[in-house]
Amino acid sequence: MTSIDALALRDWLAQLGFEEGVLIHKDDRVEHSEMIWPEGGRVVVCAQREEEPSIVPAGIGNVYVVTDDPDEVYRTAREMGATISRELMDTGYGSRDFTVRSPDGHSLSFGTYDGAEESD
C-alpha cells in the first residue's frame, strides 16, 4: 500500500486556495488534518494506513468544491502546473466548472453548482 505524503498534499491544496486547518502529527505521520475552503467546507487529508480501511487508495476519491469564481481557481491551478483532467466549461445544468488531479491522483472539481433547485 502506497502512503500519500499528506504534508505535500496540504501544501498543494494551500497553493490552490485552501486555508490551513487542523494538523495532528504522531510519530512523523499525519494522523488527521483538515484544509478549509474559504467559501465554506473542508477536506480531510491524512496518511493512508492498512489499519484504516475506510481511507481509499489514491486515485479513487472525488471531491466537488463550490466556488463563486471557478475561472480564478482554474487560472491558479494552471499557474501551479496542476494536471487538468477536465477543462473549464459551462455545463448543461448551469454550472461553470473544471476538474484537476491532485498529486496523489484524486479528482477535485471546482464549480458554481451548489445543489439542485428545490421544486414546488
PDB file of N, CA and C in Angstrom:
ATOM      1  N   MET A   1       0.845  -1.172   0.000  1.00  0.00           N
ATOM      2  CA  MET A   1       0.000   0.000   0.000  1.00  0.00           C
ATOM      3  C   MET A   1       0.896   1.242   0.000  1.00  0.00           C
ATOM      4  N   THR A   2       0.651   2.143  -0.910  1.00  0.00           N
ATOM      5  CA  THR A   2       1.436   3.371  -1.003  1.00  0.00           C
ATOM      6  C   THR A   2       0.819   4.434  -0.104  1.00  0.00           C
ATOM      7  N   SER A   3       1.650   5.066   0.692  1.00  0.00           N
ATOM      8  CA  SER A   3       1.178   6.110   1.579  1.00  0.00           C
ATOM      9  C   SER A   3       1.296   7.456   0.875  1.00  0.00           C
ATOM     10  N   ILE A   4       0.260   8.272   0.986  1.00  0.00           N
ATOM     11  CA  ILE A   4       0.334   9.608   0.412  1.00  0.00           C
ATOM     12  C   ILE A   4       1.169  10.493   1.315  1.00  0.00           C
ATOM     13  N   ASP A   5       1.815  11.463   0.759  1.00  0.00           N
ATOM     14  CA  ASP A   5       2.556  12.442   1.525  1.00  0.00           C
ATOM     15  C   ASP A   5       1.566  13.539   1.890  1.00  0.00           C
ATOM     16  N   ALA A   6       0.956  13.392   3.055  1.00  0.00           N
ATOM     17  CA  ALA A   6      -0.113  14.291   3.461  1.00  0.00           C
ATOM     18  C   ALA A   6       0.364  15.736   3.601  1.00  0.00           C
ATOM     19  N   LEU A   7       1.593  15.943   4.055  1.00  0.00           N
ATOM     20  CA  LEU A   7       2.100  17.309   4.193  1.00  0.00           C
ATOM     21  C   LEU A   7       2.280  17.964   2.823  1.00  0.00           C
ATOM     22  N   ALA A   8       2.795  17.197   1.856  1.00  0.00           N
ATOM     23  CA  ALA A   8       2.950  17.732   0.499  1.00  0.00           C
ATOM     24  C   ALA A   8       1.577  18.033  -0.113  1.00  0.00           C
ATOM     25  N   LEU A   9       0.608  17.171   0.152  1.00  0.00           N
ATOM     26  CA  LEU A   9      -0.743  17.398  -0.372  1.00  0.00           C
ATOM     27  C   LEU A   9      -1.363  18.638   0.271  1.00  0.00           C
ATOM     28  N   ARG A  10      -1.117  18.857   1.556  1.00  0.00           N
ATOM     29  CA  ARG A  10      -1.602  20.070   2.220  1.00  0.00           C
ATOM     30  C   ARG A  10      -0.987  21.311   1.559  1.00  0.00           C
ATOM     31  N   ASP A  11       0.305  21.252   1.257  1.00  0.00           N
ATOM     32  CA  ASP A  11       0.962  22.379   0.587  1.00  0.00           C
ATOM     33  C   ASP A  11       0.333  22.637  -0.777  1.00  0.00           C
ATOM     34  N   TRP A  12       0.074  21.576  -1.526  1.00  0.00           N
ATOM     35  CA  TRP A  12      -0.529  21.690  -2.852  1.00  0.00           C
ATOM     36  C   TRP A  12      -1.916  22.319  -2.749  1.00  0.00           C
ATOM     37  N   LEU A  13      -2.714  21.858  -1.788  1.00  0.00           N
ATOM     38  CA  LEU A  13      -4.051  22.418  -1.588  1.00  0.00           C
ATOM     39  C   LEU A  13      -3.985  23.888  -1.185  1.00  0.00           C
ATOM     40  N   ALA A  14      -3.004  24.257  -0.377  1.00  0.00           N
ATOM     41  CA  ALA A  14      -2.830  25.654   0.022  1.00  0.00           C
ATOM     42  C   ALA A  14      -2.521  26.521  -1.196  1.00  0.00           C
ATOM     43  N   GLN A  15      -1.691  26.026  -2.110  1.00  0.00           N
ATOM     44  CA  GLN A  15      -1.386  26.772  -3.335  1.00  0.00           C
ATOM     45  C   GLN A  15      -2.649  26.982  -4.173  1.00  0.00           C
ATOM     46  N   LEU A  16      -3.536  26.000  -4.130  1.00  0.00           N
ATOM     47  CA  LEU A  16      -4.767  26.057  -4.915  1.00  0.00           C
ATOM     48  C   LEU A  16      -5.796  27.010  -4.305  1.00  0.00           C
ATOM     49  N   GLY A  17      -5.613  27.375  -3.034  1.00  0.00           N
ATOM     50  CA  GLY A  17      -6.522  28.325  -2.412  1.00  0.00           C
ATOM     51  C   GLY A  17      -7.132  27.879  -1.095  1.00  0.00           C
ATOM     52  N   PHE A  18      -6.900  26.633  -0.685  1.00  0.00           N
ATOM     53  CA  PHE A  18      -7.394  26.171   0.605  1.00  0.00           C
ATOM     54  C   PHE A  18      -6.588  26.826   1.720  1.00  0.00           C
ATOM     55  N   GLU A  19      -7.189  26.933   2.900  1.00  0.00           N
ATOM     56  CA  GLU A  19      -6.522  27.508   4.063  1.00  0.00           C
ATOM     57  C   GLU A  19      -6.173  26.399   5.054  1.00  0.00           C
ATOM     58  N   GLU A  20      -5.100  26.636   5.817  1.00  0.00           N
ATOM     59  CA  GLU A  20      -4.655  25.664   6.809  1.00  0.00           C
ATOM     60  C   GLU A  20      -5.739  25.450   7.856  1.00  0.00           C
ATOM     61  N   GLY A  21      -5.949  24.195   8.215  1.00  0.00           N
ATOM     62  CA  GLY A  21      -6.863  23.835   9.290  1.00  0.00           C
ATOM     63  C   GLY A  21      -6.125  22.960  10.291  1.00  0.00           C
ATOM     64  N   VAL A  22      -6.835  22.092  10.955  1.00  0.00           N
ATOM     65  CA  VAL A  22      -6.270  21.201  11.965  1.00  0.00           C
ATOM     66  C   VAL A  22      -5.142  20.357  11.372  1.00  0.00           C
ATOM     67  N   LEU A  23      -4.092  20.134  12.165  1.00  0.00           N
ATOM     68  CA  LEU A  23      -2.995  19.249  11.764  1.00  0.00           C
ATOM     69  C   LEU A  23      -2.524  18.501  12.999  1.00  0.00           C
ATOM     70  N   ILE A  24      -2.676  17.171  12.998  1.00  0.00           N
ATOM     71  CA  ILE A  24      -2.258  16.331  14.122  1.00  0.00           C
ATOM     72  C   ILE A  24      -1.205  15.346  13.628  1.00  0.00           C
ATOM     73  N   HIS A  25       0.012  15.471  14.177  1.00  0.00           N
ATOM     74  CA  HIS A  25       1.126  14.573  13.863  1.00  0.00           C
ATOM     75  C   HIS A  25       1.256  13.519  14.956  1.00  0.00           C
ATOM     76  N   LYS A  26       1.678  12.327  14.586  1.00  0.00           N
ATOM     77  CA  LYS A  26       2.022  11.292  15.560  1.00  0.00           C
ATOM     78  C   LYS A  26       3.110  10.432  14.932  1.00  0.00           C
ATOM     79  N   ASP A  27       4.259  10.393  15.574  1.00  0.00           N
ATOM     80  CA  ASP A  27       5.387   9.600  15.067  1.00  0.00           C
ATOM     81  C   ASP A  27       5.709   9.937  13.609  1.00  0.00           C
ATOM     82  N   ASP A  28       5.820  11.219  13.302  1.00  0.00           N
ATOM     83  CA  ASP A  28       6.134  11.695  11.950  1.00  0.00           C
ATOM     84  C   ASP A  28       5.114  11.275  10.898  1.00  0.00           C
ATOM     85  N   ARG A  29       3.903  11.006  11.312  1.00  0.00           N
ATOM     86  CA  ARG A  29       2.835  10.657  10.385  1.00  0.00           C
ATOM     87  C   ARG A  29       1.661  11.592  10.657  1.00  0.00           C
ATOM     88  N   VAL A  30       1.029  12.049   9.604  1.00  0.00           N
ATOM     89  CA  VAL A  30      -0.155  12.894   9.747  1.00  0.00           C
ATOM     90  C   VAL A  30      -1.333  11.983  10.071  1.00  0.00           C
ATOM     91  N   GLU A  31      -1.807  12.100  11.289  1.00  0.00           N
ATOM     92  CA  GLU A  31      -2.937  11.285  11.742  1.00  0.00           C
ATOM     93  C   GLU A  31      -4.262  11.881  11.292  1.00  0.00           C
ATOM     94  N   HIS A  32      -4.334  13.199  11.340  1.00  0.00           N
ATOM     95  CA  HIS A  32      -5.563  13.890  10.934  1.00  0.00           C
ATOM     96  C   HIS A  32      -5.199  15.317  10.545  1.00  0.00           C
ATOM     97  N   SER A  33      -5.792  15.786   9.488  1.00  0.00           N
ATOM     98  CA  SER A  33      -5.607  17.182   9.114  1.00  0.00           C
ATOM     99  C   SER A  33      -6.808  17.627   8.300  1.00  0.00           C
ATOM    100  N   GLU A  34      -7.042  18.909   8.323  1.00  0.00           N
ATOM    101  CA  GLU A  34      -8.137  19.486   7.563  1.00  0.00           C
ATOM    102  C   GLU A  34      -7.639  20.720   6.831  1.00  0.00           C
ATOM    103  N   MET A  35      -8.099  20.884   5.617  1.00  0.00           N
ATOM    104  CA  MET A  35      -7.846  22.089   4.841  1.00  0.00           C
ATOM    105  C   MET A  35      -9.203  22.723   4.567  1.00  0.00           C
ATOM    106  N   ILE A  36      -9.299  24.011   4.780  1.00  0.00           N
ATOM    107  CA  ILE A  36     -10.575  24.716   4.735  1.00  0.00           C
ATOM    108  C   ILE A  36     -10.694  25.509   3.433  1.00  0.00           C
ATOM    109  N   TRP A  37     -11.831  25.343   2.757  1.00  0.00           N
ATOM    110  CA  TRP A  37     -12.104  26.151   1.566  1.00  0.00           C
ATOM    111  C   TRP A  37     -12.687  27.470   2.052  1.00  0.00           C
ATOM    112  N   PRO A  38     -12.128  28.618   1.645  1.00  0.00           N
ATOM    113  CA  PRO A  38     -12.561  29.908   2.193  1.00  0.00           C
ATOM    114  C   PRO A  38     -14.033  30.240   1.959  1.00  0.00           C
ATOM    115  N   GLU A  39     -14.657  29.632   0.971  1.00  0.00           N
ATOM    116  CA  GLU A  39     -16.067  29.909   0.698  1.00  0.00           C
ATOM    117  C   GLU A  39     -16.992  28.946   1.435  1.00  0.00           C
ATOM    118  N   GLY A  40     -16.406  28.065   2.247  1.00  0.00           N
ATOM    119  CA  GLY A  40     -17.180  27.093   3.016  1.00  0.00           C
ATOM    120  C   GLY A  40     -16.786  25.679   2.690  1.00  0.00           C
ATOM    121  N   GLY A  41     -16.764  24.841   3.677  1.00  0.00           N
ATOM    122  CA  GLY A  41     -16.419  23.434   3.512  1.00  0.00           C
ATOM    123  C   GLY A  41     -14.960  23.157   3.821  1.00  0.00           C
ATOM    124  N   ARG A  42     -14.622  21.896   3.848  1.00  0.00           N
ATOM    125  CA  ARG A  42     -13.263  21.482   4.156  1.00  0.00           C
ATOM    126  C   ARG A  42     -13.008  20.080   3.605  1.00  0.00           C
ATOM    127  N   VAL A  43     -11.742  19.740   3.456  1.00  0.00           N
ATOM    128  CA  VAL A  43     -11.351  18.383   3.095  1.00  0.00           C
ATOM    129  C   VAL A  43     -10.435  17.863   4.190  1.00  0.00           C
ATOM    130  N   VAL A  44     -10.492  16.557   4.410  1.00  0.00           N
ATOM    131  CA  VAL A  44      -9.625  15.897   5.383  1.00  0.00           C
ATOM    132  C   VAL A  44      -8.491  15.235   4.614  1.00  0.00           C
ATOM    133  N   VAL A  45      -7.266  15.451   5.091  1.00  0.00           N
ATOM    134  CA  VAL A  45      -6.076  14.889   4.460  1.00  0.00           C
ATOM    135  C   VAL A  45      -5.272  14.171   5.537  1.00  0.00           C
ATOM    136  N   CYS A  46      -5.009  12.887   5.330  1.00  0.00           N
ATOM    137  CA  CYS A  46      -4.181  12.147   6.284  1.00  0.00           C
ATOM    138  C   CYS A  46      -3.451  11.037   5.549  1.00  0.00           C
ATOM    139  N   ALA A  47      -2.560  10.370   6.251  1.00  0.00           N
ATOM    140  CA  ALA A  47      -1.804   9.279   5.646  1.00  0.00           C
ATOM    141  C   ALA A  47      -2.686   8.037   5.536  1.00  0.00           C
ATOM    142  N   GLN A  48      -2.575   7.340   4.412  1.00  0.00           N
ATOM    143  CA  GLN A  48      -3.293   6.089   4.240  1.00  0.00           C
ATOM    144  C   GLN A  48      -2.585   5.031   5.076  1.00  0.00           C
ATOM    145  N   ARG A  49      -3.343   4.169   5.726  1.00  0.00           N
ATOM    146  CA  ARG A  49      -2.748   3.133   6.546  1.00  0.00           C
ATOM    147  C   ARG A  49      -3.618   1.879   6.516  1.00  0.00           C
ATOM    148  N   GLU A  50      -2.958   0.735   6.593  1.00  0.00           N
ATOM    149  CA  GLU A  50      -3.671  -0.534   6.461  1.00  0.00           C
ATOM    150  C   GLU A  50      -4.711  -0.758   7.547  1.00  0.00           C
ATOM    151  N   GLU A  51      -4.468  -0.266   8.755  1.00  0.00           N
ATOM    152  CA  GLU A  51      -5.418  -0.484   9.848  1.00  0.00           C
ATOM    153  C   GLU A  51      -6.669   0.388   9.719  1.00  0.00           C
ATOM    154  N   GLU A  52      -6.725   1.247   8.709  1.00  0.00           N
ATOM    155  CA  GLU A  52      -7.868   2.133   8.495  1.00  0.00           C
ATOM    156  C   GLU A  52      -8.405   1.931   7.079  1.00  0.00           C
ATOM    157  N   PRO A  53      -9.204   0.866   6.869  1.00  0.00           N
ATOM    158  CA  PRO A  53      -9.661   0.549   5.507  1.00  0.00           C
ATOM    159  C   PRO A  53     -10.615   1.562   4.892  1.00  0.00           C
ATOM    160  N   SER A  54     -11.171   2.465   5.690  1.00  0.00           N
ATOM    161  CA  SER A  54     -12.096   3.443   5.126  1.00  0.00           C
ATOM    162  C   SER A  54     -11.375   4.522   4.329  1.00  0.00           C
ATOM    163  N   ILE A  55     -10.059   4.624   4.484  1.00  0.00           N
ATOM    164  CA  ILE A  55      -9.282   5.582   3.700  1.00  0.00           C
ATOM    165  C   ILE A  55      -8.950   4.902   2.379  1.00  0.00           C
ATOM    166  N   VAL A  56      -9.519   5.408   1.294  1.00  0.00           N
ATOM    167  CA  VAL A  56      -9.391   4.753  -0.008  1.00  0.00           C
ATOM    168  C   VAL A  56      -8.020   5.008  -0.622  1.00  0.00           C
ATOM    169  N   PRO A  57      -7.574   4.086  -1.475  1.00  0.00           N
ATOM    170  CA  PRO A  57      -6.289   4.282  -2.155  1.00  0.00           C
ATOM    171  C   PRO A  57      -6.311   5.504  -3.067  1.00  0.00           C
ATOM    172  N   ALA A  58      -5.147   6.001  -3.382  1.00  0.00           N
ATOM    173  CA  ALA A  58      -5.025   7.148  -4.281  1.00  0.00           C
ATOM    174  C   ALA A  58      -5.711   6.858  -5.608  1.00  0.00           C
ATOM    175  N   GLY A  59      -6.322   7.887  -6.160  1.00  0.00           N
ATOM    176  CA  GLY A  59      -6.960   7.770  -7.465  1.00  0.00           C
ATOM    177  C   GLY A  59      -8.416   7.375  -7.422  1.00  0.00           C
ATOM    178  N   ILE A  60      -8.974   7.145  -6.238  1.00  0.00           N
ATOM    179  CA  ILE A  60     -10.362   6.712  -6.143  1.00  0.00           C
ATOM    180  C   ILE A  60     -11.289   7.841  -5.704  1.00  0.00           C
ATOM    181  N   GLY A  61     -10.814   8.750  -4.876  1.00  0.00           N
ATOM    182  CA  GLY A  61     -11.672   9.794  -4.330  1.00  0.00           C
ATOM    183  C   GLY A  61     -12.009  10.888  -5.323  1.00  0.00           C
ATOM    184  N   ASN A  62     -13.190  11.453  -5.170  1.00  0.00           N
ATOM    185  CA  ASN A  62     -13.643  12.592  -5.962  1.00  0.00           C
ATOM    186  C   ASN A  62     -14.248  13.623  -5.018  1.00  0.00           C
ATOM    187  N   VAL A  63     -13.856  14.866  -5.194  1.00  0.00           N
ATOM    188  CA  VAL A  63     -14.337  15.956  -4.350  1.00  0.00           C
ATOM    189  C   VAL A  63     -14.872  17.052  -5.259  1.00  0.00           C
ATOM    190  N   TYR A  64     -16.022  17.643  -4.881  1.00  0.00           N
ATOM    191  CA  TYR A  64     -16.558  18.787  -5.607  1.00  0.00           C
ATOM    192  C   TYR A  64     -16.526  19.976  -4.661  1.00  0.00           C
ATOM    193  N   VAL A  65     -15.889  21.054  -5.093  1.00  0.00           N
ATOM    194  CA  VAL A  65     -15.744  22.260  -4.286  1.00  0.00           C
ATOM    195  C   VAL A  65     -16.535  23.381  -4.953  1.00  0.00           C
ATOM    196  N   VAL A  66     -17.483  23.943  -4.217  1.00  0.00           N
ATOM    197  CA  VAL A  66     -18.290  25.041  -4.748  1.00  0.00           C
ATOM    198  C   VAL A  66     -17.510  26.339  -4.605  1.00  0.00           C
ATOM    199  N   THR A  67     -17.466  27.098  -5.699  1.00  0.00           N
ATOM    200  CA  THR A  67     -16.788  28.388  -5.687  1.00  0.00           C
ATOM    201  C   THR A  67     -17.543  29.372  -6.562  1.00  0.00           C
ATOM    202  N   ASP A  68     -17.521  30.629  -6.159  1.00  0.00           N
ATOM    203  CA  ASP A  68     -18.150  31.672  -6.959  1.00  0.00           C
ATOM    204  C   ASP A  68     -17.290  32.068  -8.158  1.00  0.00           C
ATOM    205  N   ASP A  69     -16.000  31.708  -8.128  1.00  0.00           N
ATOM    206  CA  ASP A  69     -15.076  32.142  -9.182  1.00  0.00           C
ATOM    207  C   ASP A  69     -14.208  30.986  -9.690  1.00  0.00           C
ATOM    208  N   PRO A  70     -14.822  30.024 -10.404  1.00  0.00           N
ATOM    209  CA  PRO A  70     -14.034  28.902 -10.915  1.00  0.00           C
ATOM    210  C   PRO A  70     -12.957  29.336 -11.905  1.00  0.00           C
ATOM    211  N   ASP A  71     -13.174  30.449 -12.587  1.00  0.00           N
ATOM    212  CA  ASP A  71     -12.166  30.927 -13.538  1.00  0.00           C
ATOM    213  C   ASP A  71     -10.858  31.271 -12.816  1.00  0.00           C
ATOM    214  N   GLU A  72     -10.970  31.892 -11.650  1.00  0.00           N
ATOM    215  CA  GLU A  72      -9.776  32.252 -10.879  1.00  0.00           C
ATOM    216  C   GLU A  72      -9.076  31.009 -10.335  1.00  0.00           C
ATOM    217  N   VAL A  73      -9.841  30.051  -9.829  1.00  0.00           N
ATOM    218  CA  VAL A  73      -9.243  28.808  -9.325  1.00  0.00           C
ATOM    219  C   VAL A  73      -8.576  28.060 -10.476  1.00  0.00           C
ATOM    220  N   TYR A  74      -9.208  28.060 -11.636  1.00  0.00           N
ATOM    221  CA  TYR A  74      -8.639  27.424 -12.826  1.00  0.00           C
ATOM    222  C   TYR A  74      -7.307  28.077 -13.202  1.00  0.00           C
ATOM    223  N   ARG A  75      -7.265  29.412 -13.216  1.00  0.00           N
ATOM    224  CA  ARG A  75      -6.011  30.124 -13.517  1.00  0.00           C
ATOM    225  C   ARG A  75      -4.922  29.749 -12.514  1.00  0.00           C
ATOM    226  N   THR A  76      -5.286  29.696 -11.241  1.00  0.00           N
ATOM    227  CA  THR A  76      -4.328  29.318 -10.207  1.00  0.00           C
ATOM    228  C   THR A  76      -3.811  27.904 -10.443  1.00  0.00           C
ATOM    229  N   ALA A  77      -4.712  26.977 -10.742  1.00  0.00           N
ATOM    230  CA  ALA A  77      -4.318  25.587 -10.999  1.00  0.00           C
ATOM    231  C   ALA A  77      -3.362  25.502 -12.189  1.00  0.00           C
ATOM    232  N   ARG A  78      -3.663  26.225 -13.257  1.00  0.00           N
ATOM    233  CA  ARG A  78      -2.792  26.253 -14.438  1.00  0.00           C
ATOM    234  C   ARG A  78      -1.413  26.814 -14.086  1.00  0.00           C
ATOM    235  N   GLU A  79      -1.398  27.932 -13.345  1.00  0.00           N
ATOM    236  CA  GLU A  79      -0.135  28.582 -12.992  1.00  0.00           C
ATOM    237  C   GLU A  79       0.745  27.686 -12.120  1.00  0.00           C
ATOM    238  N   MET A  80       0.138  26.860 -11.276  1.00  0.00           N
ATOM    239  CA  MET A  80       0.932  25.993 -10.413  1.00  0.00           C
ATOM    240  C   MET A  80       1.289  24.672 -11.094  1.00  0.00           C
ATOM    241  N   GLY A  81       0.861  24.493 -12.340  1.00  0.00           N
ATOM    242  CA  GLY A  81       1.220  23.294 -13.094  1.00  0.00           C
ATOM    243  C   GLY A  81       0.394  22.072 -12.762  1.00  0.00           C
ATOM    244  N   ALA A  82      -0.784  22.272 -12.191  1.00  0.00           N
ATOM    245  CA  ALA A  82      -1.654  21.147 -11.839  1.00  0.00           C
ATOM    246  C   ALA A  82      -2.127  20.430 -13.099  1.00  0.00           C
ATOM    247  N   THR A  83      -2.408  19.146 -12.962  1.00  0.00           N
ATOM    248  CA  THR A  83      -2.942  18.361 -14.070  1.00  0.00           C
ATOM    249  C   THR A  83      -4.441  18.603 -14.174  1.00  0.00           C
ATOM    250  N   ILE A  84      -4.852  19.212 -15.277  1.00  0.00           N
ATOM    251  CA  ILE A  84      -6.268  19.481 -15.524  1.00  0.00           C
ATOM    252  C   ILE A  84      -6.833  18.266 -16.263  1.00  0.00           C
ATOM    253  N   SER A  85      -7.796  17.588 -15.649  1.00  0.00           N
ATOM    254  CA  SER A  85      -8.374  16.409 -16.306  1.00  0.00           C
ATOM    255  C   SER A  85      -9.682  16.715 -17.019  1.00  0.00           C
ATOM    256  N   ARG A  86     -10.293  17.841 -16.708  1.00  0.00           N
ATOM    257  CA  ARG A  86     -11.472  18.307 -17.442  1.00  0.00           C
ATOM    258  C   ARG A  86     -11.383  19.821 -17.492  1.00  0.00           C
ATOM    259  N   GLU A  87     -11.332  20.343 -18.696  1.00  0.00           N
ATOM    260  CA  GLU A  87     -11.144  21.781 -18.887  1.00  0.00           C
ATOM    261  C   GLU A  87     -12.326  22.588 -18.363  1.00  0.00           C
ATOM    262  N   LEU A  88     -12.089  23.841 -18.095  1.00  0.00           N
ATOM    263  CA  LEU A  88     -13.115  24.772 -17.644  1.00  0.00           C
ATOM    264  C   LEU A  88     -14.197  24.871 -18.712  1.00  0.00           C
ATOM    265  N   MET A  89     -15.450  24.711 -18.279  1.00  0.00           N
ATOM    266  CA  MET A  89     -16.556  24.733 -19.233  1.00  0.00           C
ATOM    267  C   MET A  89     -17.862  25.092 -18.537  1.00  0.00           C
ATOM    268  N   ASP A  90     -18.823  25.503 -19.351  1.00  0.00           N
ATOM    269  CA  ASP A  90     -20.180  25.723 -18.872  1.00  0.00           C
ATOM    270  C   ASP A  90     -20.941  24.424 -19.114  1.00  0.00           C
ATOM    271  N   THR A  91     -21.642  23.948 -18.094  1.00  0.00           N
ATOM    272  CA  THR A  91     -22.356  22.680 -18.205  1.00  0.00           C
ATOM    273  C   THR A  91     -23.803  22.901 -18.626  1.00  0.00           C
ATOM    274  N   GLY A  92     -24.454  21.825 -18.977  1.00  0.00           N
ATOM    275  CA  GLY A  92     -25.858  21.885 -19.346  1.00  0.00           C
ATOM    276  C   GLY A  92     -26.782  22.134 -18.169  1.00  0.00           C
ATOM    277  N   TYR A  93     -26.291  21.976 -16.944  1.00  0.00           N
ATOM    278  CA  TYR A  93     -27.121  22.191 -15.762  1.00  0.00           C
ATOM    279  C   TYR A  93     -26.821  23.529 -15.077  1.00  0.00           C
ATOM    280  N   GLY A  94     -26.143  24.429 -15.805  1.00  0.00           N
ATOM    281  CA  GLY A  94     -25.973  25.789 -15.330  1.00  0.00           C
ATOM    282  C   GLY A  94     -24.747  26.061 -14.487  1.00  0.00           C
ATOM    283  N   SER A  95     -23.840  25.122 -14.416  1.00  0.00           N
ATOM    284  CA  SER A  95     -22.613  25.336 -13.650  1.00  0.00           C
ATOM    285  C   SER A  95     -21.471  25.696 -14.583  1.00  0.00           C
ATOM    286  N   ARG A  96     -20.465  26.304 -14.032  1.00  0.00           N
ATOM    287  CA  ARG A  96     -19.207  26.540 -14.734  1.00  0.00           C
ATOM    288  C   ARG A  96     -18.158  25.848 -13.892  1.00  0.00           C
ATOM    289  N   ASP A  97     -17.499  24.820 -14.449  1.00  0.00           N
ATOM    290  CA  ASP A  97     -16.572  24.074 -13.619  1.00  0.00           C
ATOM    291  C   ASP A  97     -15.460  23.388 -14.413  1.00  0.00           C
ATOM    292  N   PHE A  98     -14.515  22.826 -13.674  1.00  0.00           N
ATOM    293  CA  PHE A  98     -13.400  22.067 -14.237  1.00  0.00           C
ATOM    294  C   PHE A  98     -12.948  21.060 -13.195  1.00  0.00           C
ATOM    295  N   THR A  99     -12.102  20.129 -13.616  1.00  0.00           N
ATOM    296  CA  THR A  99     -11.575  19.107 -12.713  1.00  0.00           C
ATOM    297  C   THR A  99     -10.065  19.060 -12.813  1.00  0.00           C
ATOM    298  N   VAL A 100      -9.437  18.921 -11.661  1.00  0.00           N
ATOM    299  CA  VAL A 100      -7.986  18.839 -11.556  1.00  0.00           C
ATOM    300  C   VAL A 100      -7.639  17.563 -10.792  1.00  0.00           C
ATOM    301  N   ARG A 101      -6.465  16.989 -11.084  1.00  0.00           N
ATOM    302  CA  ARG A 101      -5.992  15.804 -10.361  1.00  0.00           C
ATOM    303  C   ARG A 101      -4.994  16.254  -9.305  1.00  0.00           C
ATOM    304  N   SER A 102      -5.178  15.794  -8.083  1.00  0.00           N
ATOM    305  CA  SER A 102      -4.225  16.101  -7.023  1.00  0.00           C
ATOM    306  C   SER A 102      -2.958  15.275  -7.233  1.00  0.00           C
ATOM    307  N   PRO A 103      -1.864  15.636  -6.599  1.00  0.00           N
ATOM    308  CA  PRO A 103      -0.624  14.872  -6.761  1.00  0.00           C
ATOM    309  C   PRO A 103      -0.767  13.398  -6.377  1.00  0.00           C
ATOM    310  N   ASP A 104      -1.726  13.077  -5.507  1.00  0.00           N
ATOM    311  CA  ASP A 104      -1.926  11.674  -5.126  1.00  0.00           C
ATOM    312  C   ASP A 104      -2.990  10.993  -5.985  1.00  0.00           C
ATOM    313  N   GLY A 105      -3.475  11.680  -7.026  1.00  0.00           N
ATOM    314  CA  GLY A 105      -4.348  11.051  -8.008  1.00  0.00           C
ATOM    315  C   GLY A 105      -5.837  11.217  -7.819  1.00  0.00           C
ATOM    316  N   HIS A 106      -6.272  11.946  -6.813  1.00  0.00           N
ATOM    317  CA  HIS A 106      -7.702  12.152  -6.614  1.00  0.00           C
ATOM    318  C   HIS A 106      -8.213  13.282  -7.508  1.00  0.00           C
ATOM    319  N   SER A 107      -9.491  13.237  -7.826  1.00  0.00           N
ATOM    320  CA  SER A 107     -10.121  14.279  -8.645  1.00  0.00           C
ATOM    321  C   SER A 107     -10.752  15.330  -7.754  1.00  0.00           C
ATOM    322  N   LEU A 108     -10.448  16.586  -8.053  1.00  0.00           N
ATOM    323  CA  LEU A 108     -11.097  17.707  -7.381  1.00  0.00           C
ATOM    324  C   LEU A 108     -11.746  18.557  -8.460  1.00  0.00           C
ATOM    325  N   SER A 109     -13.064  18.673  -8.395  1.00  0.00           N
ATOM    326  CA  SER A 109     -13.788  19.520  -9.326  1.00  0.00           C
ATOM    327  C   SER A 109     -14.157  20.803  -8.601  1.00  0.00           C
ATOM    328  N   PHE A 110     -14.026  21.918  -9.296  1.00  0.00           N
ATOM    329  CA  PHE A 110     -14.385  23.229  -8.767  1.00  0.00           C
ATOM    330  C   PHE A 110     -15.442  23.810  -9.684  1.00  0.00           C
ATOM    331  N   GLY A 111     -16.540  24.309  -9.099  1.00  0.00           N
ATOM    332  CA  GLY A 111     -17.582  24.874  -9.937  1.00  0.00           C
ATOM    333  C   GLY A 111     -18.612  25.651  -9.161  1.00  0.00           C
ATOM    334  N   THR A 112     -19.520  26.233  -9.898  1.00  0.00           N
ATOM    335  CA  THR A 112     -20.530  27.096  -9.313  1.00  0.00           C
ATOM    336  C   THR A 112     -21.782  26.335  -8.866  1.00  0.00           C
ATOM    337  N   TYR A 113     -21.909  25.071  -9.232  1.00  0.00           N
ATOM    338  CA  TYR A 113     -23.110  24.291  -8.872  1.00  0.00           C
ATOM    339  C   TYR A 113     -23.128  24.077  -7.359  1.00  0.00           C
ATOM    340  N   ASP A 114     -24.158  24.597  -6.676  1.00  0.00           N
ATOM    341  CA  ASP A 114     -24.225  24.473  -5.230  1.00  0.00           C
ATOM    342  C   ASP A 114     -25.415  23.656  -4.746  1.00  0.00           C
ATOM    343  N   GLY A 115     -25.929  22.801  -5.599  1.00  0.00           N
ATOM    344  CA  GLY A 115     -27.033  21.932  -5.236  1.00  0.00           C
ATOM    345  C   GLY A 115     -28.230  22.143  -6.138  1.00  0.00           C
ATOM    346  N   ALA A 116     -29.060  21.144  -6.170  1.00  0.00           N
ATOM    347  CA  ALA A 116     -30.247  21.200  -7.029  1.00  0.00           C
ATOM    348  C   ALA A 116     -31.246  22.210  -6.498  1.00  0.00           C
ATOM    349  N   GLU A 117     -31.925  22.866  -7.411  1.00  0.00           N
ATOM    350  CA  GLU A 117     -33.003  23.785  -7.060  1.00  0.00           C
ATOM    351  C   GLU A 117     -34.139  22.970  -6.451  1.00  0.00           C
ATOM    352  N   GLU A 118     -34.760  23.503  -5.405  1.00  0.00           N
ATOM    353  CA  GLU A 118     -35.914  22.842  -4.826  1.00  0.00           C
ATOM    354  C   GLU A 118     -37.114  23.079  -5.714  1.00  0.00           C
ATOM    355  N   SER A 119     -37.912  22.034  -5.895  1.00  0.00           N
ATOM    356  CA  SER A 119     -39.113  22.187  -6.715  1.00  0.00           C
ATOM    357  C   SER A 119     -40.320  22.450  -5.787  1.00  0.00           C
ATOM    358  N   ASP A 120     -41.305  23.116  -6.347  1.00  0.00           N
ATOM    359  CA  ASP A 120     -42.518  23.454  -5.556  1.00  0.00           C
ATOM    360  C   ASP A 120     -43.406  22.265  -5.386  1.00  0.00           C
TER     361      ASP A 120
END
